[in-house]
Amino acid sequence: MAENGVIKKLTPAERSFYTAAEVRVIMDVSRDTAYRMIRSLRSELIAEGKLAKGYPSGRIPKKAFNQLYIISSILPKRRLYN
């Protein structure tokens, strides 16, 4: 049975977005820089009509982030999740 209306809690690896903490680990930058990177990419995506203005702040779609920073080949080598 679902608790509190949540059917299944997704693990970080299953989510379709990165949080600032994950961007920080992937890019090896400070927390402030991670948020700055997310804000910048979000602004670009919203301006291009590829992301809704209502998308949660502090998160960025994995697909857009990976394409911009071309890190798909790096991710399997770096441990992001426990």
Protein backbone atom coordinates (compact mmCIF):
# COMPACT_ATOMS: atom_id res chain seq x y z
CA MET A 1 0.00 0.00 0.00
CA ALA A 2 1.18 3.51 -0.70
CA GLU A 3 2.19 5.65 2.26
CA ASN A 4 1.25 9.33 2.20
CA GLY A 5 0.23 9.04 -1.44
CA VAL A 6 3.74 8.07 -2.54
CA ILE A 7 3.72 4.91 -4.63
CA LYS A 8 7.48 4.52 -5.01
CA LYS A 9 10.27 6.76 -3.87
CA LEU A 10 12.83 7.12 -6.65
CA THR A 11 16.49 6.72 -5.95
CA PRO A 12 18.84 9.48 -7.15
CA ALA A 13 19.95 7.25 -10.04
CA GLU A 14 16.33 6.79 -11.19
CA ARG A 15 15.42 10.49 -11.17
CA SER A 16 15.40 12.48 -14.40
CA PHE A 17 17.19 15.46 -12.87
CA TYR A 18 20.35 16.38 -11.01
CA THR A 19 20.34 18.33 -7.78
CA ALA A 20 22.95 20.97 -6.97
CA ALA A 21 24.69 18.46 -4.69
CA GLU A 22 25.03 16.01 -7.59
CA VAL A 23 26.27 18.73 -9.97
CA ARG A 24 28.83 19.63 -7.32
CA VAL A 25 30.19 16.07 -7.26
CA ILE A 26 30.09 15.57 -11.04
CA MET A 27 31.84 18.82 -11.88
CA ASP A 28 34.00 19.00 -8.73
CA VAL A 29 32.95 22.58 -7.97
CA SER A 30 31.73 24.49 -4.92
CA ARG A 31 28.07 24.53 -3.91
CA ASP A 32 27.70 28.13 -5.08
CA THR A 33 29.22 27.31 -8.47
CA ALA A 34 26.88 24.31 -8.85
CA TYR A 35 23.85 26.52 -8.23
CA ARG A 36 25.24 29.15 -10.63
CA MET A 37 25.66 26.49 -13.34
CA ILE A 38 22.11 25.25 -12.79
CA ARG A 39 20.66 28.79 -12.91
CA SER A 40 22.52 29.55 -16.11
CA LEU A 41 21.46 26.38 -17.91
CA ARG A 42 17.87 26.71 -16.66
CA SER A 43 17.71 30.26 -18.05
CA GLU A 44 18.97 29.08 -21.43
CA LEU A 45 16.52 26.18 -21.56
CA ILE A 46 13.57 28.38 -20.56
CA ALA A 47 14.53 31.00 -23.17
CA GLU A 48 14.68 28.26 -25.84
CA GLY A 49 11.30 26.91 -24.73
CA LYS A 50 12.81 23.57 -23.74
CA LEU A 51 11.98 23.89 -20.03
CA ALA A 52 8.90 25.20 -18.24
CA LYS A 53 9.33 28.19 -15.95
CA GLY A 54 7.71 26.16 -13.19
CA TYR A 55 10.48 23.52 -13.16
CA PRO A 56 11.79 23.26 -9.57
CA SER A 57 14.77 25.46 -8.78
CA GLY A 58 18.00 23.81 -7.74
CA ARG A 59 17.42 20.96 -10.20
CA ILE A 60 18.35 20.48 -13.83
CA PRO A 61 17.25 17.77 -16.29
CA LYS A 62 19.98 15.14 -16.63
CA LYS A 63 19.67 14.97 -20.41
CA ALA A 64 20.23 18.72 -20.92
CA PHE A 65 23.07 18.86 -18.41
CA ASN A 66 24.84 15.83 -19.88
CA GLN A 67 24.52 17.17 -23.43
CA LEU A 68 25.88 20.59 -22.51
CA TYR A 69 28.85 19.33 -20.54
CA ILE A 70 29.37 16.15 -22.60
CA ILE A 71 29.86 14.01 -19.54
CA SER A 72 28.01 10.84 -20.45
CA SER A 73 31.29 8.94 -20.82
CA ILE A 74 32.56 10.24 -17.46
CA LEU A 75 29.52 9.39 -15.33
CA PRO A 76 29.99 5.61 -15.15
CA LYS A 77 33.55 6.16 -13.89
CA ARG A 78 32.57 8.52 -11.06
CA ARG A 79 30.63 7.30 -8.08
CA LEU A 80 27.63 9.55 -7.51
CA TYR A 81 25.32 7.33 -5.54
CA ASN A 82 25.85 4.99 -2.62
